[in-house]
Amino acid sequence: MNSMFVLQMVAIAAVFYFFIMRPQQKKVKQEKEFESGLKVGDKIITKSGFHGKIAELTETTAIIETMSGKLKIERSAISLEMTAALNKKA
């Protein structure tokens, strides 16, 4: 009975890792690669919905040009999914 309990706990831990933790780690890695691959002139959409084009980049921030002016934002505020969908249409 004791070994069955341990086996069940190991199975639960494996399911937790492969269905919850591993996909989250892959997403974080993908977002970091996306952020480091940004360059001046890229059209982007922020997570809050602002559309713009990158005018300047620093290590942690970006200045984007929008129809109403320039905004300084954190690189992490740029949406991977929405920007990819925007650039797929164009």
PDB file of N, CA and C in Angstrom:
ATOM      1  N   MET A   1       0.817  -1.187   0.000  1.00  0.00           N
ATOM      2  CA  MET A   1       0.000   0.000   0.000  1.00  0.00           C
ATOM      3  C   MET A   1       0.872   1.267   0.000  1.00  0.00           C
ATOM      4  N   ASN A   2       1.929   1.251   0.742  1.00  0.00           N
ATOM      5  CA  ASN A   2       2.812   2.398   0.822  1.00  0.00           C
ATOM      6  C   ASN A   2       3.497   2.694  -0.508  1.00  0.00           C
ATOM      7  N   SER A   3       3.953   1.663  -1.198  1.00  0.00           N
ATOM      8  CA  SER A   3       4.625   1.874  -2.483  1.00  0.00           C
ATOM      9  C   SER A   3       3.630   2.374  -3.534  1.00  0.00           C
ATOM     10  N   MET A   4       2.373   1.977  -3.445  1.00  0.00           N
ATOM     11  CA  MET A   4       1.348   2.454  -4.369  1.00  0.00           C
ATOM     12  C   MET A   4       1.108   3.948  -4.187  1.00  0.00           C
ATOM     13  N   PHE A   5       1.106   4.393  -2.936  1.00  0.00           N
ATOM     14  CA  PHE A   5       0.929   5.800  -2.629  1.00  0.00           C
ATOM     15  C   PHE A   5       2.090   6.622  -3.204  1.00  0.00           C
ATOM     16  N   VAL A   6       3.305   6.148  -3.022  1.00  0.00           N
ATOM     17  CA  VAL A   6       4.489   6.841  -3.534  1.00  0.00           C
ATOM     18  C   VAL A   6       4.432   6.901  -5.062  1.00  0.00           C
ATOM     19  N   LEU A   7       4.028   5.819  -5.682  1.00  0.00           N
ATOM     20  CA  LEU A   7       3.908   5.772  -7.143  1.00  0.00           C
ATOM     21  C   LEU A   7       2.867   6.782  -7.640  1.00  0.00           C
ATOM     22  N   GLN A   8       1.765   6.881  -6.939  1.00  0.00           N
ATOM     23  CA  GLN A   8       0.732   7.852  -7.317  1.00  0.00           C
ATOM     24  C   GLN A   8       1.241   9.283  -7.164  1.00  0.00           C
ATOM     25  N   MET A   9       1.983   9.557  -6.107  1.00  0.00           N
ATOM     26  CA  MET A   9       2.520  10.894  -5.894  1.00  0.00           C
ATOM     27  C   MET A   9       3.537  11.259  -6.977  1.00  0.00           C
ATOM     28  N   VAL A  10       4.355  10.303  -7.375  1.00  0.00           N
ATOM     29  CA  VAL A  10       5.320  10.535  -8.449  1.00  0.00           C
ATOM     30  C   VAL A  10       4.577  10.800  -9.761  1.00  0.00           C
ATOM     31  N   ALA A  11       3.526  10.056 -10.016  1.00  0.00           N
ATOM     32  CA  ALA A  11       2.731  10.259 -11.226  1.00  0.00           C
ATOM     33  C   ALA A  11       2.080  11.639 -11.233  1.00  0.00           C
ATOM     34  N   ILE A  12       1.566  12.073 -10.114  1.00  0.00           N
ATOM     35  CA  ILE A  12       0.950  13.399 -10.009  1.00  0.00           C
ATOM     36  C   ILE A  12       2.003  14.484 -10.239  1.00  0.00           C
ATOM     37  N   ALA A  13       3.175  14.309  -9.666  1.00  0.00           N
ATOM     38  CA  ALA A  13       4.254  15.276  -9.851  1.00  0.00           C
ATOM     39  C   ALA A  13       4.673  15.345 -11.318  1.00  0.00           C
ATOM     40  N   ALA A  14       4.754  14.211 -11.986  1.00  0.00           N
ATOM     41  CA  ALA A  14       5.130  14.185 -13.404  1.00  0.00           C
ATOM     42  C   ALA A  14       4.081  14.887 -14.255  1.00  0.00           C
ATOM     43  N   VAL A  15       2.817  14.623 -13.994  1.00  0.00           N
ATOM     44  CA  VAL A  15       1.738  15.282 -14.738  1.00  0.00           C
ATOM     45  C   VAL A  15       1.796  16.790 -14.496  1.00  0.00           C
ATOM     46  N   PHE A  16       1.982  17.189 -13.260  1.00  0.00           N
ATOM     47  CA  PHE A  16       2.083  18.611 -12.917  1.00  0.00           C
ATOM     48  C   PHE A  16       3.219  19.269 -13.687  1.00  0.00           C
ATOM     49  N   TYR A  17       4.372  18.619 -13.728  1.00  0.00           N
ATOM     50  CA  TYR A  17       5.531  19.182 -14.427  1.00  0.00           C
ATOM     51  C   TYR A  17       5.274  19.301 -15.920  1.00  0.00           C
ATOM     52  N   PHE A  18       4.816  18.219 -16.564  1.00  0.00           N
ATOM     53  CA  PHE A  18       4.691  18.212 -18.017  1.00  0.00           C
ATOM     54  C   PHE A  18       3.505  19.020 -18.542  1.00  0.00           C
ATOM     55  N   PHE A  19       2.471  19.198 -17.751  1.00  0.00           N
ATOM     56  CA  PHE A  19       1.299  19.930 -18.239  1.00  0.00           C
ATOM     57  C   PHE A  19       1.207  21.361 -17.718  1.00  0.00           C
ATOM     58  N   ILE A  20       1.944  21.698 -16.658  1.00  0.00           N
ATOM     59  CA  ILE A  20       1.841  23.045 -16.104  1.00  0.00           C
ATOM     60  C   ILE A  20       3.190  23.773 -16.136  1.00  0.00           C
ATOM     61  N   MET A  21       4.204  23.221 -15.542  1.00  0.00           N
ATOM     62  CA  MET A  21       5.471  23.925 -15.405  1.00  0.00           C
ATOM     63  C   MET A  21       6.256  24.014 -16.711  1.00  0.00           C
ATOM     64  N   ARG A  22       6.362  22.941 -17.432  1.00  0.00           N
ATOM     65  CA  ARG A  22       7.169  22.922 -18.652  1.00  0.00           C
ATOM     66  C   ARG A  22       6.629  23.877 -19.720  1.00  0.00           C
ATOM     67  N   PRO A  23       5.315  23.882 -20.004  1.00  0.00           N
ATOM     68  CA  PRO A  23       4.818  24.851 -20.987  1.00  0.00           C
ATOM     69  C   PRO A  23       5.043  26.304 -20.553  1.00  0.00           C
ATOM     70  N   GLN A  24       4.940  26.563 -19.250  1.00  0.00           N
ATOM     71  CA  GLN A  24       5.175  27.921 -18.751  1.00  0.00           C
ATOM     72  C   GLN A  24       6.633  28.321 -18.963  1.00  0.00           C
ATOM     73  N   GLN A  25       7.553  27.403 -18.713  1.00  0.00           N
ATOM     74  CA  GLN A  25       8.973  27.688 -18.911  1.00  0.00           C
ATOM     75  C   GLN A  25       9.268  27.948 -20.386  1.00  0.00           C
ATOM     76  N   LYS A  26       8.634  27.192 -21.276  1.00  0.00           N
ATOM     77  CA  LYS A  26       8.828  27.392 -22.712  1.00  0.00           C
ATOM     78  C   LYS A  26       8.308  28.755 -23.145  1.00  0.00           C
ATOM     79  N   LYS A  27       7.176  29.176 -22.584  1.00  0.00           N
ATOM     80  CA  LYS A  27       6.597  30.469 -22.934  1.00  0.00           C
ATOM     81  C   LYS A  27       7.505  31.605 -22.466  1.00  0.00           C
ATOM     82  N   VAL A  28       8.045  31.510 -21.262  1.00  0.00           N
ATOM     83  CA  VAL A  28       8.948  32.541 -20.748  1.00  0.00           C
ATOM     84  C   VAL A  28      10.184  32.640 -21.636  1.00  0.00           C
ATOM     85  N   LYS A  29      10.728  31.513 -22.032  1.00  0.00           N
ATOM     86  CA  LYS A  29      11.906  31.500 -22.904  1.00  0.00           C
ATOM     87  C   LYS A  29      11.577  32.134 -24.253  1.00  0.00           C
ATOM     88  N   GLN A  30      10.425  31.806 -24.807  1.00  0.00           N
ATOM     89  CA  GLN A  30       9.999  32.351 -26.096  1.00  0.00           C
ATOM     90  C   GLN A  30       9.825  33.872 -26.009  1.00  0.00           C
ATOM     91  N   GLU A  31       9.246  34.376 -24.916  1.00  0.00           N
ATOM     92  CA  GLU A  31       9.054  35.815 -24.742  1.00  0.00           C
ATOM     93  C   GLU A  31      10.394  36.539 -24.612  1.00  0.00           C
ATOM     94  N   LYS A  32      11.359  35.945 -23.911  1.00  0.00           N
ATOM     95  CA  LYS A  32      12.678  36.566 -23.784  1.00  0.00           C
ATOM     96  C   LYS A  32      13.379  36.629 -25.131  1.00  0.00           C
ATOM     97  N   GLU A  33      13.260  35.563 -25.932  1.00  0.00           N
ATOM     98  CA  GLU A  33      13.855  35.564 -27.267  1.00  0.00           C
ATOM     99  C   GLU A  33      13.198  36.627 -28.143  1.00  0.00           C
ATOM    100  N   PHE A  34      11.883  36.778 -28.025  1.00  0.00           N
ATOM    101  CA  PHE A  34      11.155  37.788 -28.781  1.00  0.00           C
ATOM    102  C   PHE A  34      11.631  39.188 -28.401  1.00  0.00           C
ATOM    103  N   GLU A  35      11.737  39.457 -27.102  1.00  0.00           N
ATOM    104  CA  GLU A  35      12.171  40.769 -26.620  1.00  0.00           C
ATOM    105  C   GLU A  35      13.579  41.096 -27.098  1.00  0.00           C
ATOM    106  N   SER A  36      14.473  40.116 -27.079  1.00  0.00           N
ATOM    107  CA  SER A  36      15.851  40.382 -27.494  1.00  0.00           C
ATOM    108  C   SER A  36      15.958  40.529 -29.013  1.00  0.00           C
ATOM    109  N   GLY A  37      14.987  40.018 -29.762  1.00  0.00           N
ATOM    110  CA  GLY A  37      15.008  40.112 -31.216  1.00  0.00           C
ATOM    111  C   GLY A  37      14.349  41.363 -31.773  1.00  0.00           C
ATOM    112  N   LEU A  38      13.802  42.206 -30.907  1.00  0.00           N
ATOM    113  CA  LEU A  38      13.165  43.440 -31.375  1.00  0.00           C
ATOM    114  C   LEU A  38      14.204  44.387 -31.944  1.00  0.00           C
ATOM    115  N   LYS A  39      13.804  45.148 -32.982  1.00  0.00           N
ATOM    116  CA  LYS A  39      14.719  46.120 -33.571  1.00  0.00           C
ATOM    117  C   LYS A  39      13.957  47.377 -33.971  1.00  0.00           C
ATOM    118  N   VAL A  40      14.677  48.459 -34.156  1.00  0.00           N
ATOM    119  CA  VAL A  40      14.083  49.734 -34.548  1.00  0.00           C
ATOM    120  C   VAL A  40      13.361  49.546 -35.884  1.00  0.00           C
ATOM    121  N   GLY A  41      12.149  50.064 -35.944  1.00  0.00           N
ATOM    122  CA  GLY A  41      11.348  49.963 -37.161  1.00  0.00           C
ATOM    123  C   GLY A  41      10.297  48.869 -37.107  1.00  0.00           C
ATOM    124  N   ASP A  42      10.389  47.960 -36.139  1.00  0.00           N
ATOM    125  CA  ASP A  42       9.391  46.884 -36.007  1.00  0.00           C
ATOM    126  C   ASP A  42       8.045  47.469 -35.615  1.00  0.00           C
ATOM    127  N   LYS A  43       6.980  46.974 -36.238  1.00  0.00           N
ATOM    128  CA  LYS A  43       5.622  47.342 -35.838  1.00  0.00           C
ATOM    129  C   LYS A  43       5.220  46.409 -34.704  1.00  0.00           C
ATOM    130  N   ILE A  44       4.659  46.995 -33.640  1.00  0.00           N
ATOM    131  CA  ILE A  44       4.327  46.202 -32.446  1.00  0.00           C
ATOM    132  C   ILE A  44       2.959  46.587 -31.900  1.00  0.00           C
ATOM    133  N   ILE A  45       2.449  45.741 -31.013  1.00  0.00           N
ATOM    134  CA  ILE A  45       1.266  46.030 -30.215  1.00  0.00           C
ATOM    135  C   ILE A  45       1.641  45.724 -28.770  1.00  0.00           C
ATOM    136  N   THR A  46       1.322  46.639 -27.864  1.00  0.00           N
ATOM    137  CA  THR A  46       1.617  46.405 -26.453  1.00  0.00           C
ATOM    138  C   THR A  46       0.529  45.524 -25.840  1.00  0.00           C
ATOM    139  N   LYS A  47       0.805  45.018 -24.669  1.00  0.00           N
ATOM    140  CA  LYS A  47      -0.172  44.185 -23.969  1.00  0.00           C
ATOM    141  C   LYS A  47      -1.410  44.971 -23.584  1.00  0.00           C
ATOM    142  N   SER A  48      -1.290  46.293 -23.499  1.00  0.00           N
ATOM    143  CA  SER A  48      -2.458  47.119 -23.184  1.00  0.00           C
ATOM    144  C   SER A  48      -3.183  47.597 -24.447  1.00  0.00           C
ATOM    145  N   GLY A  49      -2.679  47.217 -25.631  1.00  0.00           N
ATOM    146  CA  GLY A  49      -3.396  47.493 -26.868  1.00  0.00           C
ATOM    147  C   GLY A  49      -2.891  48.652 -27.697  1.00  0.00           C
ATOM    148  N   PHE A  50      -1.809  49.319 -27.301  1.00  0.00           N
ATOM    149  CA  PHE A  50      -1.271  50.409 -28.109  1.00  0.00           C
ATOM    150  C   PHE A  50      -0.558  49.844 -29.339  1.00  0.00           C
ATOM    151  N   HIS A  51      -0.821  50.448 -30.498  1.00  0.00           N
ATOM    152  CA  HIS A  51      -0.142  50.075 -31.733  1.00  0.00           C
ATOM    153  C   HIS A  51       0.935  51.111 -32.005  1.00  0.00           C
ATOM    154  N   GLY A  52       2.076  50.665 -32.490  1.00  0.00           N
ATOM    155  CA  GLY A  52       3.126  51.620 -32.803  1.00  0.00           C
ATOM    156  C   GLY A  52       4.285  50.974 -33.519  1.00  0.00           C
ATOM    157  N   LYS A  53       5.292  51.796 -33.765  1.00  0.00           N
ATOM    158  CA  LYS A  53       6.509  51.344 -34.420  1.00  0.00           C
ATOM    159  C   LYS A  53       7.674  51.727 -33.512  1.00  0.00           C
ATOM    160  N   ILE A  54       8.624  50.831 -33.343  1.00  0.00           N
ATOM    161  CA  ILE A  54       9.748  51.078 -32.444  1.00  0.00           C
ATOM    162  C   ILE A  54      10.649  52.150 -33.050  1.00  0.00           C
ATOM    163  N   ALA A  55      10.885  53.220 -32.270  1.00  0.00           N
ATOM    164  CA  ALA A  55      11.749  54.315 -32.702  1.00  0.00           C
ATOM    165  C   ALA A  55      13.140  54.205 -32.069  1.00  0.00           C
ATOM    166  N   GLU A  56      13.189  53.762 -30.810  1.00  0.00           N
ATOM    167  CA  GLU A  56      14.459  53.616 -30.091  1.00  0.00           C
ATOM    168  C   GLU A  56      14.352  52.415 -29.158  1.00  0.00           C
ATOM    169  N   LEU A  57      15.497  51.801 -28.882  1.00  0.00           N
ATOM    170  CA  LEU A  57      15.549  50.667 -27.955  1.00  0.00           C
ATOM    171  C   LEU A  57      16.692  50.849 -26.973  1.00  0.00           C
ATOM    172  N   THR A  58      16.440  50.519 -25.724  1.00  0.00           N
ATOM    173  CA  THR A  58      17.509  50.370 -24.739  1.00  0.00           C
ATOM    174  C   THR A  58      17.432  48.931 -24.244  1.00  0.00           C
ATOM    175  N   GLU A  59      18.230  48.628 -23.252  1.00  0.00           N
ATOM    176  CA  GLU A  59      18.253  47.252 -22.745  1.00  0.00           C
ATOM    177  C   GLU A  59      16.910  46.815 -22.177  1.00  0.00           C
ATOM    178  N   THR A  60      16.203  47.730 -21.499  1.00  0.00           N
ATOM    179  CA  THR A  60      14.949  47.351 -20.848  1.00  0.00           C
ATOM    180  C   THR A  60      13.728  48.098 -21.356  1.00  0.00           C
ATOM    181  N   THR A  61      13.929  49.197 -22.096  1.00  0.00           N
ATOM    182  CA  THR A  61      12.791  49.997 -22.538  1.00  0.00           C
ATOM    183  C   THR A  61      12.789  50.183 -24.052  1.00  0.00           C
ATOM    184  N   ALA A  62      11.656  50.684 -24.541  1.00  0.00           N
ATOM    185  CA  ALA A  62      11.515  51.005 -25.958  1.00  0.00           C
ATOM    186  C   ALA A  62      10.729  52.300 -26.072  1.00  0.00           C
ATOM    187  N   ILE A  63      11.074  53.092 -27.064  1.00  0.00           N
ATOM    188  CA  ILE A  63      10.286  54.280 -27.386  1.00  0.00           C
ATOM    189  C   ILE A  63       9.532  53.916 -28.657  1.00  0.00           C
ATOM    190  N   ILE A  64       8.206  54.008 -28.587  1.00  0.00           N
ATOM    191  CA  ILE A  64       7.410  53.673 -29.762  1.00  0.00           C
ATOM    192  C   ILE A  64       6.695  54.918 -30.271  1.00  0.00           C
ATOM    193  N   GLU A  65       6.580  54.984 -31.588  1.00  0.00           N
ATOM    194  CA  GLU A  65       5.843  56.056 -32.235  1.00  0.00           C
ATOM    195  C   GLU A  65       4.421  55.581 -32.454  1.00  0.00           C
ATOM    196  N   THR A  66       3.476  56.357 -31.968  1.00  0.00           N
ATOM    197  CA  THR A  66       2.065  56.064 -32.191  1.00  0.00           C
ATOM    198  C   THR A  66       1.476  57.227 -32.977  1.00  0.00           C
ATOM    199  N   MET A  67       0.223  57.126 -33.343  1.00  0.00           N
ATOM    200  CA  MET A  67      -0.415  58.209 -34.081  1.00  0.00           C
ATOM    201  C   MET A  67      -0.529  59.481 -33.238  1.00  0.00           C
ATOM    202  N   SER A  68      -0.480  59.354 -31.924  1.00  0.00           N
ATOM    203  CA  SER A  68      -0.610  60.520 -31.054  1.00  0.00           C
ATOM    204  C   SER A  68       0.715  60.976 -30.456  1.00  0.00           C
ATOM    205  N   GLY A  69       1.814  60.400 -30.860  1.00  0.00           N
ATOM    206  CA  GLY A  69       3.112  60.817 -30.339  1.00  0.00           C
ATOM    207  C   GLY A  69       3.979  59.629 -29.966  1.00  0.00           C
ATOM    208  N   LYS A  70       4.993  59.907 -29.166  1.00  0.00           N
ATOM    209  CA  LYS A  70       5.934  58.869 -28.739  1.00  0.00           C
ATOM    210  C   LYS A  70       5.651  58.461 -27.305  1.00  0.00           C
ATOM    211  N   LEU A  71       5.820  57.162 -27.046  1.00  0.00           N
ATOM    212  CA  LEU A  71       5.631  56.612 -25.703  1.00  0.00           C
ATOM    213  C   LEU A  71       6.865  55.810 -25.313  1.00  0.00           C
ATOM    214  N   LYS A  72       7.261  55.926 -24.056  1.00  0.00           N
ATOM    215  CA  LYS A  72       8.345  55.098 -23.526  1.00  0.00           C
ATOM    216  C   LYS A  72       7.708  53.960 -22.749  1.00  0.00           C
ATOM    217  N   ILE A  73       8.032  52.736 -23.127  1.00  0.00           N
ATOM    218  CA  ILE A  73       7.444  51.559 -22.480  1.00  0.00           C
ATOM    219  C   ILE A  73       8.536  50.559 -22.121  1.00  0.00           C
ATOM    220  N   GLU A  74       8.207  49.652 -21.246  1.00  0.00           N
ATOM    221  CA  GLU A  74       9.100  48.540 -20.934  1.00  0.00           C
ATOM    222  C   GLU A  74       9.040  47.532 -22.076  1.00  0.00           C
ATOM    223  N   ARG A  75      10.149  46.914 -22.395  1.00  0.00           N
ATOM    224  CA  ARG A  75      10.149  45.894 -23.452  1.00  0.00           C
ATOM    225  C   ARG A  75       9.178  44.758 -23.121  1.00  0.00           C
ATOM    226  N   SER A  76       9.060  44.448 -21.851  1.00  0.00           N
ATOM    227  CA  SER A  76       8.185  43.344 -21.439  1.00  0.00           C
ATOM    228  C   SER A  76       6.713  43.665 -21.662  1.00  0.00           C
ATOM    229  N   ALA A  77       6.387  44.935 -21.947  1.00  0.00           N
ATOM    230  CA  ALA A  77       4.995  45.324 -22.191  1.00  0.00           C
ATOM    231  C   ALA A  77       4.570  45.060 -23.634  1.00  0.00           C
ATOM    232  N   ILE A  78       5.508  44.636 -24.481  1.00  0.00           N
ATOM    233  CA  ILE A  78       5.187  44.354 -25.879  1.00  0.00           C
ATOM    234  C   ILE A  78       4.647  42.931 -25.967  1.00  0.00           C
ATOM    235  N   SER A  79       3.498  42.788 -26.593  1.00  0.00           N
ATOM    236  CA  SER A  79       2.820  41.494 -26.670  1.00  0.00           C
ATOM    237  C   SER A  79       3.382  40.639 -27.800  1.00  0.00           C
ATOM    238  N   LEU A  80       3.878  39.480 -27.450  1.00  0.00           N
ATOM    239  CA  LEU A  80       4.386  38.528 -28.433  1.00  0.00           C
ATOM    240  C   LEU A  80       3.273  38.064 -29.368  1.00  0.00           C
ATOM    241  N   GLU A  81       2.147  37.643 -28.809  1.00  0.00           N
ATOM    242  CA  GLU A  81       1.063  37.076 -29.608  1.00  0.00           C
ATOM    243  C   GLU A  81       0.422  38.114 -30.530  1.00  0.00           C
ATOM    244  N   MET A  82       0.093  39.282 -29.987  1.00  0.00           N
ATOM    245  CA  MET A  82      -0.576  40.300 -30.806  1.00  0.00           C
ATOM    246  C   MET A  82       0.351  40.873 -31.861  1.00  0.00           C
ATOM    247  N   THR A  83       1.635  41.039 -31.534  1.00  0.00           N
ATOM    248  CA  THR A  83       2.593  41.548 -32.512  1.00  0.00           C
ATOM    249  C   THR A  83       2.795  40.532 -33.626  1.00  0.00           C
ATOM    250  N   ALA A  84       2.870  39.258 -33.273  1.00  0.00           N
ATOM    251  CA  ALA A  84       3.024  38.216 -34.296  1.00  0.00           C
ATOM    252  C   ALA A  84       1.801  38.192 -35.216  1.00  0.00           C
ATOM    253  N   ALA A  85       0.619  38.337 -34.654  1.00  0.00           N
ATOM    254  CA  ALA A  85      -0.598  38.359 -35.481  1.00  0.00           C
ATOM    255  C   ALA A  85      -0.624  39.589 -36.384  1.00  0.00           C
ATOM    256  N   LEU A  86      -0.184  40.737 -35.882  1.00  0.00           N
ATOM    257  CA  LEU A  86      -0.127  41.963 -36.669  1.00  0.00           C
ATOM    258  C   LEU A  86       0.814  41.794 -37.851  1.00  0.00           C
ATOM    259  N   ASN A  87       1.989  41.252 -37.596  1.00  0.00           N
ATOM    260  CA  ASN A  87       2.983  41.114 -38.664  1.00  0.00           C
ATOM    261  C   ASN A  87       2.661  39.982 -39.626  1.00  0.00           C
ATOM    262  N   LYS A  88       1.838  39.040 -39.192  1.00  0.00           N
ATOM    263  CA  LYS A  88       1.410  37.962 -40.081  1.00  0.00           C
ATOM    264  C   LYS A  88       0.442  38.500 -41.141  1.00  0.00           C
ATOM    265  N   LYS A  89      -0.440  39.434 -40.723  1.00  0.00           N
ATOM    266  CA  LYS A  89      -1.398  40.043 -41.653  1.00  0.00           C
ATOM    267  C   LYS A  89      -0.701  40.869 -42.725  1.00  0.00           C
ATOM    268  N   ALA A  90       0.345  41.587 -42.309  1.00  0.00           N
ATOM    269  CA  ALA A  90       1.019  42.529 -43.231  1.00  0.00           C
ATOM    270  C   ALA A  90       1.869  41.846 -44.265  1.00  0.00           C
TER     271      ALA A  90
END
